[in-house]
Amino acid sequence: MDDINIDLDNLIDNFENNTKNKKKIENKENFIQETTPQIKTLDKLLKEFQIDEINEDSKQDKINHNSNYNSETKTIKKCTNVFAGGNKVDLGLSDMVLKRCCHNMKCLKCDIDVVILCNQKWSNNVDYLFFRNNSPNITKMKKESKFDRDYRCFACQCQWCSISHTDTINVSEKFRWVCKGH
């Protein structure tokens, strides 16, 4: 009940203020002449305020956008121990429990991705210059490999190997290859 009385009092006050203002504005021309300079200064102030407000809003939007971007980025998992293995060894992420052949390696020595050819074995006449000139072009590299169902061969521009069916080697001990992430 008190809320209704307060609302009614506010309505009555607003009505009385409006009637007083109407009496003051009987002569329209006088009112316009009196308020024009004030309106112009108010317009200038509002324009300045709006520009600053827009700039602040755009800065806040950029901050919000960057924070959303950082929260949405995928976490990249890397192999705990990087292994290379023959065709019987599964490809994928190697962790403490599962010993898999990493299929996403990079050489730290030559800064080239490691090429993996399944069911292939390097021929005996490949050398450093062959890999230096042809890696990472798989079609050219396949010319110097032989089909062998049990093998998987690996190469970058400076190092290479062929590994038989169930064998695995710890890459970090023998080569400068690291996991790029999965």
Protein backbone atom coordinates (compact mmCIF):
# COMPACT_ATOMS: atom_id res chain seq x y z
CA MET A 1 0.00 0.00 0.00
CA ASP A 2 2.85 2.38 0.82
CA ASP A 3 4.42 1.70 -2.60
CA ILE A 4 1.24 2.79 -4.36
CA ASN A 5 1.10 6.02 -2.34
CA ILE A 6 4.72 6.80 -3.19
CA ASP A 7 4.07 6.13 -6.89
CA LEU A 8 1.00 8.38 -6.83
CA ASP A 9 2.97 11.17 -5.15
CA ASN A 10 5.65 10.89 -7.84
CA LEU A 11 3.04 11.08 -10.60
CA ILE A 12 1.45 14.18 -9.07
CA ASP A 13 4.85 15.87 -8.72
CA ASN A 14 5.71 15.10 -12.36
CA PHE A 15 2.37 16.46 -13.54
CA GLU A 16 2.81 19.69 -11.57
CA ASN A 17 6.34 20.17 -12.92
CA ASN A 18 5.14 19.65 -16.49
CA THR A 19 2.36 22.24 -16.13
CA LYS A 20 4.84 24.78 -14.71
CA ASN A 21 7.20 24.15 -17.62
CA LYS A 22 4.38 24.59 -20.14
CA LYS A 23 3.56 28.00 -18.72
CA LYS A 24 7.19 29.04 -19.06
CA ILE A 25 7.34 27.99 -22.70
CA GLU A 26 4.46 30.01 -24.05
CA ASN A 27 6.62 31.97 -26.39
CA LYS A 28 8.36 29.41 -28.57
CA GLU A 29 10.77 31.80 -30.25
CA ASN A 30 12.12 33.11 -26.95
CA PHE A 31 12.70 29.61 -25.72
CA ILE A 32 14.63 28.59 -28.85
CA GLN A 33 16.79 31.71 -28.72
CA GLU A 34 17.58 31.16 -25.05
CA THR A 35 18.42 27.47 -25.36
CA THR A 36 20.25 27.31 -28.72
CA PRO A 37 23.75 28.12 -27.34
CA GLN A 38 23.24 25.68 -24.50
CA ILE A 39 22.10 22.95 -26.89
CA LYS A 40 25.16 23.48 -29.11
CA THR A 41 27.56 23.15 -26.20
CA LEU A 42 25.68 20.10 -24.97
CA ASP A 43 25.87 18.56 -28.46
CA LYS A 44 29.63 19.13 -28.55
CA LEU A 45 30.06 17.54 -25.16
CA LEU A 46 27.89 14.59 -26.12
CA LYS A 47 29.87 14.01 -29.31
CA GLU A 48 33.13 14.02 -27.39
CA PHE A 49 31.67 11.71 -24.79
CA GLN A 50 30.30 9.31 -27.40
CA ILE A 51 33.67 9.04 -29.17
CA ASP A 52 35.44 8.30 -25.91
CA GLU A 53 32.71 5.87 -24.97
CA ILE A 54 32.99 4.08 -28.33
CA ASN A 55 36.76 3.85 -27.99
CA GLU A 56 36.41 2.39 -24.50
CA ASP A 57 33.80 -0.09 -25.76
CA SER A 58 36.03 -1.19 -28.65
CA LYS A 59 38.98 -1.65 -26.29
CA GLN A 60 36.80 -3.74 -24.01
CA ASP A 61 35.56 -5.79 -26.99
CA LYS A 62 39.16 -6.46 -28.04
CA ILE A 63 40.04 -7.56 -24.52
CA ASN A 64 36.99 -9.82 -24.39
CA HIS A 65 37.79 -11.24 -27.84
CA ASN A 66 41.38 -12.02 -26.86
CA SER A 67 40.32 -13.69 -23.63
CA ASN A 68 37.78 -15.79 -25.54
CA TYR A 69 40.44 -16.75 -28.07
CA ASN A 70 42.86 -17.87 -25.36
CA SER A 71 40.22 -19.92 -23.59
CA GLU A 72 39.17 -21.68 -26.80
CA THR A 73 42.64 -22.75 -27.95
CA LYS A 74 43.22 -26.47 -28.09
CA THR A 75 45.74 -28.03 -25.79
CA ILE A 76 48.42 -29.85 -27.75
CA LYS A 77 49.60 -33.13 -26.32
CA LYS A 78 53.11 -34.35 -27.06
CA CYS A 79 54.61 -37.80 -26.78
CA THR A 80 56.34 -38.40 -23.44
CA ASN A 81 58.90 -40.63 -25.18
CA VAL A 82 59.21 -40.33 -28.95
CA PHE A 83 59.33 -43.73 -30.64
CA ALA A 84 59.72 -44.84 -34.24
CA GLY A 85 58.55 -48.33 -35.07
CA GLY A 86 57.78 -50.88 -37.74
CA ASN A 87 54.44 -51.56 -39.39
CA LYS A 88 53.09 -53.65 -36.51
CA VAL A 89 53.46 -50.74 -34.07
CA ASP A 90 50.45 -48.40 -33.95
CA LEU A 91 50.85 -44.77 -34.99
CA GLY A 92 49.81 -42.07 -32.54
CA LEU A 93 50.49 -40.38 -29.24
CA SER A 94 52.95 -42.26 -27.04
CA ASP A 95 52.51 -41.89 -23.29
CA MET A 96 53.78 -43.64 -20.17
CA VAL A 97 51.45 -46.61 -20.71
CA LEU A 98 51.16 -46.98 -24.50
CA LYS A 99 54.25 -47.27 -26.67
CA ARG A 100 53.23 -45.95 -30.10
CA CYS A 101 55.09 -44.70 -33.13
CA CYS A 102 54.92 -40.89 -33.30
CA HIS A 103 53.60 -39.80 -36.69
CA ASN A 104 54.16 -36.07 -36.24
CA MET A 105 57.89 -35.51 -35.77
CA LYS A 106 60.26 -32.69 -36.65
CA CYS A 107 64.05 -32.73 -36.87
CA LEU A 108 65.83 -30.19 -34.68
CA LYS A 109 68.99 -30.45 -36.76
CA CYS A 110 67.60 -29.57 -40.22
CA ASP A 111 64.23 -28.10 -39.11
CA ILE A 112 62.25 -30.32 -41.51
CA ASP A 113 59.25 -32.53 -40.77
CA VAL A 114 60.05 -36.24 -40.64
CA VAL A 115 58.55 -38.17 -43.57
CA ILE A 116 57.09 -41.59 -42.78
CA LEU A 117 56.53 -44.25 -45.45
CA CYS A 118 54.56 -47.31 -44.40
CA ASN A 119 55.23 -50.70 -46.04
CA GLN A 120 58.51 -49.31 -47.36
CA LYS A 121 62.21 -49.82 -46.71
CA TRP A 122 65.04 -47.53 -47.85
CA SER A 123 67.20 -48.99 -50.62
CA ASN A 124 70.90 -49.54 -49.95
CA ASN A 125 72.08 -46.80 -52.33
CA VAL A 126 70.44 -43.81 -50.54
CA ASP A 127 72.78 -41.23 -49.06
CA TYR A 128 72.81 -37.83 -47.37
CA LEU A 129 72.60 -35.90 -50.68
CA PHE A 130 69.53 -37.86 -51.77
CA PHE A 131 67.62 -36.87 -48.62
CA ARG A 132 69.01 -33.34 -48.63
CA ASN A 133 67.73 -32.77 -52.18
CA ASN A 134 64.44 -34.66 -52.01
CA SER A 135 63.04 -34.41 -48.50
CA PRO A 136 60.16 -33.72 -47.75
CA ASN A 137 58.90 -34.53 -51.30
CA ILE A 138 57.30 -37.95 -50.78
CA THR A 139 56.95 -38.84 -54.47
CA LYS A 140 60.67 -38.34 -55.11
CA MET A 141 61.59 -40.17 -51.91
CA LYS A 142 59.45 -43.19 -52.82
CA LYS A 143 61.65 -43.77 -55.88
CA GLU A 144 64.49 -44.88 -53.58
CA SER A 145 62.39 -47.10 -51.34
CA LYS A 146 61.40 -50.74 -51.74
CA PHE A 147 58.09 -52.31 -50.85
CA ASP A 148 58.30 -54.42 -47.72
CA ARG A 149 55.16 -55.18 -45.73
CA ASP A 150 56.98 -55.42 -42.39
CA TYR A 151 58.90 -52.14 -42.55
CA ARG A 152 58.25 -48.49 -42.01
CA CYS A 153 60.86 -45.94 -43.07
CA PHE A 154 61.54 -42.48 -41.67
CA ALA A 155 63.58 -39.57 -43.01
CA CYS A 156 64.30 -35.87 -42.79
CA GLN A 157 67.01 -34.02 -44.73
CA CYS A 158 69.89 -35.17 -42.53
CA GLN A 159 68.91 -38.55 -41.01
CA TRP A 160 66.97 -41.65 -42.05
CA CYS A 161 66.17 -45.19 -40.94
CA SER A 162 64.09 -48.27 -41.78
CA ILE A 163 62.51 -50.21 -38.91
CA SER A 164 61.10 -53.73 -39.12
CA HIS A 165 57.65 -54.93 -38.01
CA THR A 166 57.62 -54.96 -34.18
CA ASP A 167 60.84 -53.11 -33.41
CA THR A 168 60.76 -49.68 -31.80
CA ILE A 169 63.58 -47.27 -31.16
CA ASN A 170 63.66 -44.35 -28.78
CA VAL A 171 64.14 -41.53 -31.26
CA SER A 172 65.58 -39.08 -28.74
CA GLU A 173 68.58 -41.36 -28.14
CA LYS A 174 69.53 -41.91 -31.78
CA PHE A 175 68.14 -38.92 -33.71
CA ARG A 176 67.37 -35.25 -33.18
CA TRP A 177 63.64 -35.78 -33.80
CA VAL A 178 60.96 -34.40 -31.50
CA CYS A 179 57.20 -34.72 -31.33
CA LYS A 180 55.38 -31.69 -32.79
CA GLY A 181 52.18 -32.54 -30.97
CA HIS A 182 48.95 -34.40 -31.57
